[in-house]
Amino acid sequence: MRDAAPDWEVPEQAWMRIAPCLQLPDPDDVHVLAAAITGHADCIVTANLKDFPEDALAPFGIQVIHPDEFLIAQMDLDPLIVLAAYKEQRVRLKNPAYTPSAFADALERNALVLTAQRLREAAALI
């Protein structure tokens, strides 16, 4: 992760100062919003949508997005790069090895339904 996006990590001392001023349905998630604010994030990618309500994030210009929607958006931005990354990930899986179809099935079982469908459509490329 650090190699792919060296600026992804927000130092603890940066977000700790604002965390006490924030409120979310689950107090254990406040550090995520605090890091997103101090890290100048546009969105928080999580399947835990209910604990990041729009009214709590909107004042900071941050949206919450489900991982499936995020991955589809990445595919729309640069399909060849993203499909190549999926292929690399699938090929690395050895125990058990995954066919493109089995790889898509695994993603679907993990709530990445739209992503799995896209990968099935591009099975020859992954």
N, C-alpha and C. Protein backbone atom coordinates (compact mmCIF):
# COMPACT_ATOMS: atom_id res chain seq x y z
N MET A 1 0.83 -1.19 0.00
CA MET A 1 0.00 0.00 0.00
C MET A 1 0.88 1.25 0.00
N ARG A 2 1.89 1.25 0.83
CA ARG A 2 2.78 2.42 0.89
C ARG A 2 3.49 2.67 -0.43
N ASP A 3 3.82 1.62 -1.15
CA ASP A 3 4.48 1.79 -2.46
C ASP A 3 3.51 2.35 -3.49
N ALA A 4 2.27 1.86 -3.48
CA ALA A 4 1.27 2.28 -4.47
C ALA A 4 0.77 3.70 -4.21
N ALA A 5 0.59 4.04 -2.95
CA ALA A 5 0.07 5.37 -2.60
C ALA A 5 0.80 5.86 -1.35
N PRO A 6 1.98 6.45 -1.54
CA PRO A 6 2.80 6.81 -0.38
C PRO A 6 2.15 7.80 0.59
N ASP A 7 1.17 8.55 0.15
CA ASP A 7 0.56 9.55 1.04
C ASP A 7 -0.76 9.08 1.65
N TRP A 8 -1.03 7.79 1.64
CA TRP A 8 -2.32 7.29 2.13
C TRP A 8 -2.46 7.37 3.64
N GLU A 9 -1.36 7.27 4.37
CA GLU A 9 -1.44 7.16 5.82
C GLU A 9 -1.49 8.54 6.48
N VAL A 10 -2.44 8.70 7.38
CA VAL A 10 -2.57 9.95 8.13
C VAL A 10 -1.96 9.71 9.51
N PRO A 11 -0.96 10.51 9.89
CA PRO A 11 -0.34 10.31 11.20
C PRO A 11 -1.35 10.47 12.34
N GLU A 12 -1.22 9.64 13.34
CA GLU A 12 -2.14 9.66 14.48
C GLU A 12 -2.23 11.04 15.12
N GLN A 13 -1.11 11.71 15.26
CA GLN A 13 -1.14 13.03 15.90
C GLN A 13 -1.96 14.04 15.10
N ALA A 14 -2.15 13.80 13.82
CA ALA A 14 -2.94 14.72 12.99
C ALA A 14 -4.43 14.59 13.27
N TRP A 15 -4.93 13.36 13.36
CA TRP A 15 -6.37 13.19 13.53
C TRP A 15 -6.82 13.16 14.99
N MET A 16 -5.92 12.86 15.89
CA MET A 16 -6.28 12.75 17.32
C MET A 16 -6.85 14.06 17.88
N ARG A 17 -6.39 15.18 17.36
CA ARG A 17 -6.83 16.47 17.90
C ARG A 17 -8.28 16.78 17.57
N ILE A 18 -8.77 16.31 16.42
CA ILE A 18 -10.15 16.65 16.06
C ILE A 18 -11.15 15.54 16.39
N ALA A 19 -10.67 14.34 16.64
CA ALA A 19 -11.57 13.22 16.92
C ALA A 19 -12.57 13.49 18.04
N PRO A 20 -12.17 14.12 19.14
CA PRO A 20 -13.14 14.35 20.22
C PRO A 20 -14.30 15.28 19.82
N CYS A 21 -14.13 16.04 18.75
CA CYS A 21 -15.17 16.98 18.31
C CYS A 21 -16.17 16.34 17.34
N LEU A 22 -15.96 15.10 16.98
CA LEU A 22 -16.79 14.45 15.97
C LEU A 22 -17.74 13.44 16.60
N GLN A 23 -18.88 13.26 15.93
CA GLN A 23 -19.85 12.27 16.41
C GLN A 23 -20.32 11.42 15.25
N LEU A 24 -20.37 10.13 15.49
CA LEU A 24 -20.91 9.15 14.55
C LEU A 24 -21.75 8.16 15.36
N PRO A 25 -22.62 7.42 14.68
CA PRO A 25 -23.43 6.43 15.41
C PRO A 25 -22.59 5.43 16.22
N ASP A 26 -21.44 5.05 15.68
CA ASP A 26 -20.53 4.16 16.40
C ASP A 26 -19.28 4.95 16.76
N PRO A 27 -19.11 5.27 18.04
CA PRO A 27 -17.94 6.06 18.46
C PRO A 27 -16.60 5.43 18.07
N ASP A 28 -16.58 4.12 17.87
CA ASP A 28 -15.34 3.45 17.46
C ASP A 28 -14.94 3.78 16.03
N ASP A 29 -15.83 4.44 15.28
CA ASP A 29 -15.53 4.81 13.89
C ASP A 29 -15.08 6.26 13.75
N VAL A 30 -15.11 7.02 14.81
CA VAL A 30 -14.77 8.45 14.75
C VAL A 30 -13.36 8.67 14.22
N HIS A 31 -12.43 7.81 14.58
CA HIS A 31 -11.06 7.98 14.11
C HIS A 31 -10.97 7.90 12.58
N VAL A 32 -11.87 7.14 11.95
CA VAL A 32 -11.88 7.02 10.49
C VAL A 32 -12.27 8.36 9.87
N LEU A 33 -13.33 8.98 10.39
CA LEU A 33 -13.74 10.29 9.89
C LEU A 33 -12.67 11.33 10.18
N ALA A 34 -12.09 11.31 11.35
CA ALA A 34 -11.04 12.27 11.70
C ALA A 34 -9.85 12.14 10.75
N ALA A 35 -9.46 10.91 10.44
CA ALA A 35 -8.34 10.71 9.51
C ALA A 35 -8.73 11.16 8.10
N ALA A 36 -9.97 10.92 7.69
CA ALA A 36 -10.42 11.36 6.37
C ALA A 36 -10.38 12.89 6.26
N ILE A 37 -10.80 13.57 7.32
CA ILE A 37 -10.78 15.03 7.31
C ILE A 37 -9.35 15.56 7.24
N THR A 38 -8.50 15.09 8.13
CA THR A 38 -7.13 15.61 8.17
C THR A 38 -6.31 15.15 6.98
N GLY A 39 -6.70 14.04 6.37
CA GLY A 39 -6.00 13.54 5.19
C GLY A 39 -6.56 14.09 3.90
N HIS A 40 -7.56 14.97 4.00
CA HIS A 40 -8.18 15.61 2.84
C HIS A 40 -8.77 14.59 1.86
N ALA A 41 -9.41 13.56 2.43
CA ALA A 41 -10.04 12.52 1.61
C ALA A 41 -11.35 13.03 1.01
N ASP A 42 -11.68 12.51 -0.14
CA ASP A 42 -12.96 12.81 -0.78
C ASP A 42 -14.04 11.85 -0.32
N CYS A 43 -13.61 10.65 0.07
CA CYS A 43 -14.59 9.64 0.46
C CYS A 43 -14.00 8.67 1.46
N ILE A 44 -14.92 7.97 2.12
CA ILE A 44 -14.57 6.86 2.99
C ILE A 44 -15.15 5.63 2.31
N VAL A 45 -14.30 4.66 2.05
CA VAL A 45 -14.74 3.43 1.39
C VAL A 45 -14.98 2.38 2.46
N THR A 46 -16.24 1.97 2.63
CA THR A 46 -16.59 1.00 3.65
C THR A 46 -17.92 0.35 3.32
N ALA A 47 -18.07 -0.89 3.73
CA ALA A 47 -19.37 -1.57 3.61
C ALA A 47 -20.26 -1.19 4.79
N ASN A 48 -19.70 -0.53 5.76
CA ASN A 48 -20.40 -0.12 6.97
C ASN A 48 -21.07 1.25 6.76
N LEU A 49 -21.95 1.33 5.79
CA LEU A 49 -22.55 2.61 5.40
C LEU A 49 -23.39 3.23 6.51
N LYS A 50 -24.07 2.40 7.29
CA LYS A 50 -24.99 2.93 8.30
C LYS A 50 -24.28 3.74 9.39
N ASP A 51 -23.03 3.45 9.63
CA ASP A 51 -22.31 4.18 10.69
C ASP A 51 -21.60 5.43 10.20
N PHE A 52 -21.80 5.76 8.92
CA PHE A 52 -21.22 6.98 8.35
C PHE A 52 -22.32 7.75 7.63
N PRO A 53 -23.29 8.31 8.39
CA PRO A 53 -24.42 9.00 7.76
C PRO A 53 -23.99 10.26 7.00
N GLU A 54 -24.70 10.51 5.93
CA GLU A 54 -24.38 11.65 5.05
C GLU A 54 -24.34 12.96 5.82
N ASP A 55 -25.28 13.17 6.73
CA ASP A 55 -25.32 14.45 7.45
C ASP A 55 -24.10 14.66 8.35
N ALA A 56 -23.43 13.59 8.75
CA ALA A 56 -22.22 13.72 9.57
C ALA A 56 -20.99 13.99 8.71
N LEU A 57 -21.01 13.53 7.46
CA LEU A 57 -19.85 13.65 6.58
C LEU A 57 -19.92 14.88 5.66
N ALA A 58 -21.11 15.26 5.25
CA ALA A 58 -21.29 16.34 4.27
C ALA A 58 -20.61 17.66 4.67
N PRO A 59 -20.66 18.07 5.94
CA PRO A 59 -20.00 19.34 6.29
C PRO A 59 -18.50 19.36 6.00
N PHE A 60 -17.92 18.19 5.85
CA PHE A 60 -16.49 18.09 5.59
C PHE A 60 -16.19 17.76 4.14
N GLY A 61 -17.23 17.71 3.32
CA GLY A 61 -17.05 17.42 1.89
C GLY A 61 -16.63 15.99 1.63
N ILE A 62 -17.03 15.10 2.52
CA ILE A 62 -16.66 13.69 2.40
C ILE A 62 -17.91 12.86 2.14
N GLN A 63 -17.79 11.90 1.26
CA GLN A 63 -18.87 10.97 0.98
C GLN A 63 -18.48 9.59 1.48
N VAL A 64 -19.47 8.76 1.71
CA VAL A 64 -19.22 7.36 2.03
C VAL A 64 -19.63 6.55 0.81
N ILE A 65 -18.81 5.57 0.47
CA ILE A 65 -19.07 4.77 -0.71
C ILE A 65 -18.78 3.30 -0.40
N HIS A 66 -19.66 2.45 -0.87
CA HIS A 66 -19.49 1.01 -0.68
C HIS A 66 -18.31 0.53 -1.54
N PRO A 67 -17.52 -0.43 -1.06
CA PRO A 67 -16.38 -0.92 -1.84
C PRO A 67 -16.76 -1.37 -3.25
N ASP A 68 -17.93 -1.95 -3.42
CA ASP A 68 -18.35 -2.40 -4.75
C ASP A 68 -18.48 -1.21 -5.70
N GLU A 69 -19.09 -0.13 -5.24
CA GLU A 69 -19.23 1.07 -6.07
C GLU A 69 -17.86 1.69 -6.36
N PHE A 70 -17.00 1.69 -5.37
CA PHE A 70 -15.65 2.24 -5.54
C PHE A 70 -14.87 1.46 -6.60
N LEU A 71 -14.92 0.14 -6.52
CA LEU A 71 -14.19 -0.68 -7.48
C LEU A 71 -14.73 -0.52 -8.89
N ILE A 72 -16.04 -0.40 -9.02
CA ILE A 72 -16.63 -0.16 -10.34
C ILE A 72 -16.16 1.19 -10.88
N ALA A 73 -16.12 2.19 -10.03
CA ALA A 73 -15.65 3.52 -10.47
C ALA A 73 -14.21 3.45 -10.94
N GLN A 74 -13.37 2.67 -10.25
CA GLN A 74 -11.98 2.53 -10.67
C GLN A 74 -11.90 1.85 -12.03
N MET A 75 -12.75 0.84 -12.22
CA MET A 75 -12.78 0.14 -13.51
C MET A 75 -13.22 1.07 -14.63
N ASP A 76 -14.16 1.94 -14.33
CA ASP A 76 -14.63 2.89 -15.34
C ASP A 76 -13.54 3.90 -15.69
N LEU A 77 -12.71 4.26 -14.72
CA LEU A 77 -11.64 5.23 -14.96
C LEU A 77 -10.53 4.67 -15.83
N ASP A 78 -10.13 3.43 -15.55
CA ASP A 78 -9.02 2.84 -16.30
C ASP A 78 -9.18 1.32 -16.33
N PRO A 79 -10.05 0.83 -17.20
CA PRO A 79 -10.37 -0.60 -17.18
C PRO A 79 -9.17 -1.52 -17.41
N LEU A 80 -8.25 -1.15 -18.28
CA LEU A 80 -7.12 -2.05 -18.55
C LEU A 80 -6.20 -2.20 -17.35
N ILE A 81 -5.91 -1.11 -16.68
CA ILE A 81 -5.06 -1.18 -15.48
C ILE A 81 -5.75 -1.99 -14.38
N VAL A 82 -7.04 -1.74 -14.18
CA VAL A 82 -7.76 -2.43 -13.11
C VAL A 82 -7.91 -3.91 -13.42
N LEU A 83 -8.25 -4.26 -14.64
CA LEU A 83 -8.39 -5.67 -14.99
C LEU A 83 -7.05 -6.39 -14.88
N ALA A 84 -5.97 -5.72 -15.25
CA ALA A 84 -4.64 -6.31 -15.09
C ALA A 84 -4.33 -6.55 -13.61
N ALA A 85 -4.74 -5.64 -12.76
CA ALA A 85 -4.52 -5.82 -11.32
C ALA A 85 -5.33 -7.00 -10.79
N TYR A 86 -6.57 -7.13 -11.24
CA TYR A 86 -7.38 -8.29 -10.84
C TYR A 86 -6.74 -9.59 -11.32
N LYS A 87 -6.24 -9.58 -12.54
CA LYS A 87 -5.60 -10.79 -13.06
C LYS A 87 -4.39 -11.15 -12.20
N GLU A 88 -3.58 -10.16 -11.87
CA GLU A 88 -2.40 -10.39 -11.03
C GLU A 88 -2.80 -10.96 -9.68
N GLN A 89 -3.85 -10.39 -9.10
CA GLN A 89 -4.33 -10.87 -7.81
C GLN A 89 -4.83 -12.31 -7.92
N ARG A 90 -5.61 -12.60 -8.94
CA ARG A 90 -6.17 -13.94 -9.13
C ARG A 90 -5.05 -14.97 -9.32
N VAL A 91 -4.06 -14.64 -10.14
CA VAL A 91 -2.98 -15.56 -10.43
C VAL A 91 -2.13 -15.85 -9.19
N ARG A 92 -2.01 -14.88 -8.30
CA ARG A 92 -1.24 -15.08 -7.07
C ARG A 92 -1.90 -16.08 -6.12
N LEU A 93 -3.20 -16.26 -6.26
CA LEU A 93 -3.91 -17.18 -5.38
C LEU A 93 -3.60 -18.61 -5.81
N LYS A 94 -2.94 -19.34 -4.94
CA LYS A 94 -2.46 -20.68 -5.30
C LYS A 94 -3.14 -21.81 -4.52
N ASN A 95 -3.66 -21.52 -3.35
CA ASN A 95 -4.17 -22.59 -2.51
C ASN A 95 -5.54 -22.25 -1.96
N PRO A 96 -6.59 -22.42 -2.71
CA PRO A 96 -6.62 -23.05 -4.04
C PRO A 96 -6.39 -22.02 -5.13
N ALA A 97 -6.09 -22.51 -6.31
CA ALA A 97 -6.01 -21.64 -7.49
C ALA A 97 -7.44 -21.27 -7.89
N TYR A 98 -7.59 -20.11 -8.47
CA TYR A 98 -8.92 -19.63 -8.86
C TYR A 98 -8.99 -19.45 -10.37
N THR A 99 -10.04 -19.98 -10.95
CA THR A 99 -10.36 -19.66 -12.33
C THR A 99 -10.95 -18.25 -12.31
N PRO A 100 -11.05 -17.58 -13.45
CA PRO A 100 -11.71 -16.28 -13.45
C PRO A 100 -13.13 -16.35 -12.88
N SER A 101 -13.85 -17.40 -13.19
CA SER A 101 -15.21 -17.55 -12.68
C SER A 101 -15.24 -17.73 -11.16
N ALA A 102 -14.35 -18.58 -10.65
CA ALA A 102 -14.29 -18.80 -9.21
C ALA A 102 -13.85 -17.54 -8.47
N PHE A 103 -12.95 -16.77 -9.09
CA PHE A 103 -12.50 -15.50 -8.51
C PHE A 103 -13.69 -14.54 -8.40
N ALA A 104 -14.47 -14.43 -9.47
CA ALA A 104 -15.66 -13.57 -9.45
C ALA A 104 -16.66 -14.06 -8.40
N ASP A 105 -16.83 -15.36 -8.30
CA ASP A 105 -17.75 -15.92 -7.29
C ASP A 105 -17.30 -15.53 -5.87
N ALA A 106 -16.00 -15.59 -5.62
CA ALA A 106 -15.47 -15.23 -4.30
C ALA A 106 -15.74 -13.75 -3.99
N LEU A 107 -15.57 -12.90 -4.99
CA LEU A 107 -15.86 -11.48 -4.78
C LEU A 107 -17.34 -11.28 -4.49
N GLU A 108 -18.17 -11.98 -5.23
CA GLU A 108 -19.63 -11.85 -5.03
C GLU A 108 -20.03 -12.31 -3.62
N ARG A 109 -19.45 -13.38 -3.14
CA ARG A 109 -19.74 -13.86 -1.78
C ARG A 109 -19.33 -12.82 -0.73
N ASN A 110 -18.45 -11.92 -1.10
CA ASN A 110 -17.98 -10.89 -0.18
C ASN A 110 -18.59 -9.52 -0.48
N ALA A 111 -19.80 -9.54 -1.01
CA ALA A 111 -20.62 -8.34 -1.23
C ALA A 111 -20.11 -7.43 -2.34
N LEU A 112 -19.31 -7.96 -3.24
CA LEU A 112 -18.84 -7.19 -4.39
C LEU A 112 -19.57 -7.71 -5.64
N VAL A 113 -20.88 -7.58 -5.61
CA VAL A 113 -21.76 -8.15 -6.63
C VAL A 113 -21.54 -7.51 -7.99
N LEU A 114 -21.51 -6.19 -8.05
CA LEU A 114 -21.31 -5.49 -9.33
C LEU A 114 -19.92 -5.75 -9.89
N THR A 115 -18.93 -5.77 -9.01
CA THR A 115 -17.56 -6.05 -9.44
C THR A 115 -17.47 -7.46 -10.01
N ALA A 116 -18.07 -8.41 -9.34
CA ALA A 116 -18.05 -9.79 -9.81
C ALA A 116 -18.69 -9.90 -11.20
N GLN A 117 -19.79 -9.21 -11.39
CA GLN A 117 -20.45 -9.24 -12.70
C GLN A 117 -19.54 -8.65 -13.78
N ARG A 118 -18.90 -7.54 -13.48
CA ARG A 118 -17.98 -6.94 -14.45
C ARG A 118 -16.85 -7.89 -14.80
N LEU A 119 -16.33 -8.58 -13.79
CA LEU A 119 -15.22 -9.50 -14.03
C LEU A 119 -15.68 -10.72 -14.84
N ARG A 120 -16.91 -11.14 -14.62
CA ARG A 120 -17.42 -12.24 -15.45
C ARG A 120 -17.51 -11.81 -16.92
N GLU A 121 -17.88 -10.56 -17.14
CA GLU A 121 -17.97 -10.04 -18.52
C GLU A 121 -16.58 -9.93 -19.17
N ALA A 122 -15.56 -9.78 -18.33
CA ALA A 122 -14.20 -9.62 -18.84
C ALA A 122 -13.33 -10.83 -18.51
N ALA A 123 -13.94 -11.99 -18.31
CA ALA A 123 -13.23 -13.19 -17.85
C ALA A 123 -12.02 -13.53 -18.71
N ALA A 124 -12.10 -13.29 -20.00
CA ALA A 124 -10.97 -13.61 -20.89
C ALA A 124 -9.74 -12.75 -20.58
N LEU A 125 -9.95 -11.62 -19.92
CA LEU A 125 -8.84 -10.71 -19.62
C LEU A 125 -8.24 -10.93 -18.24
N ILE A 126 -8.93 -11.68 -17.39
CA ILE A 126 -8.40 -11.88 -16.04
C ILE A 126 -8.04 -13.33 -15.82
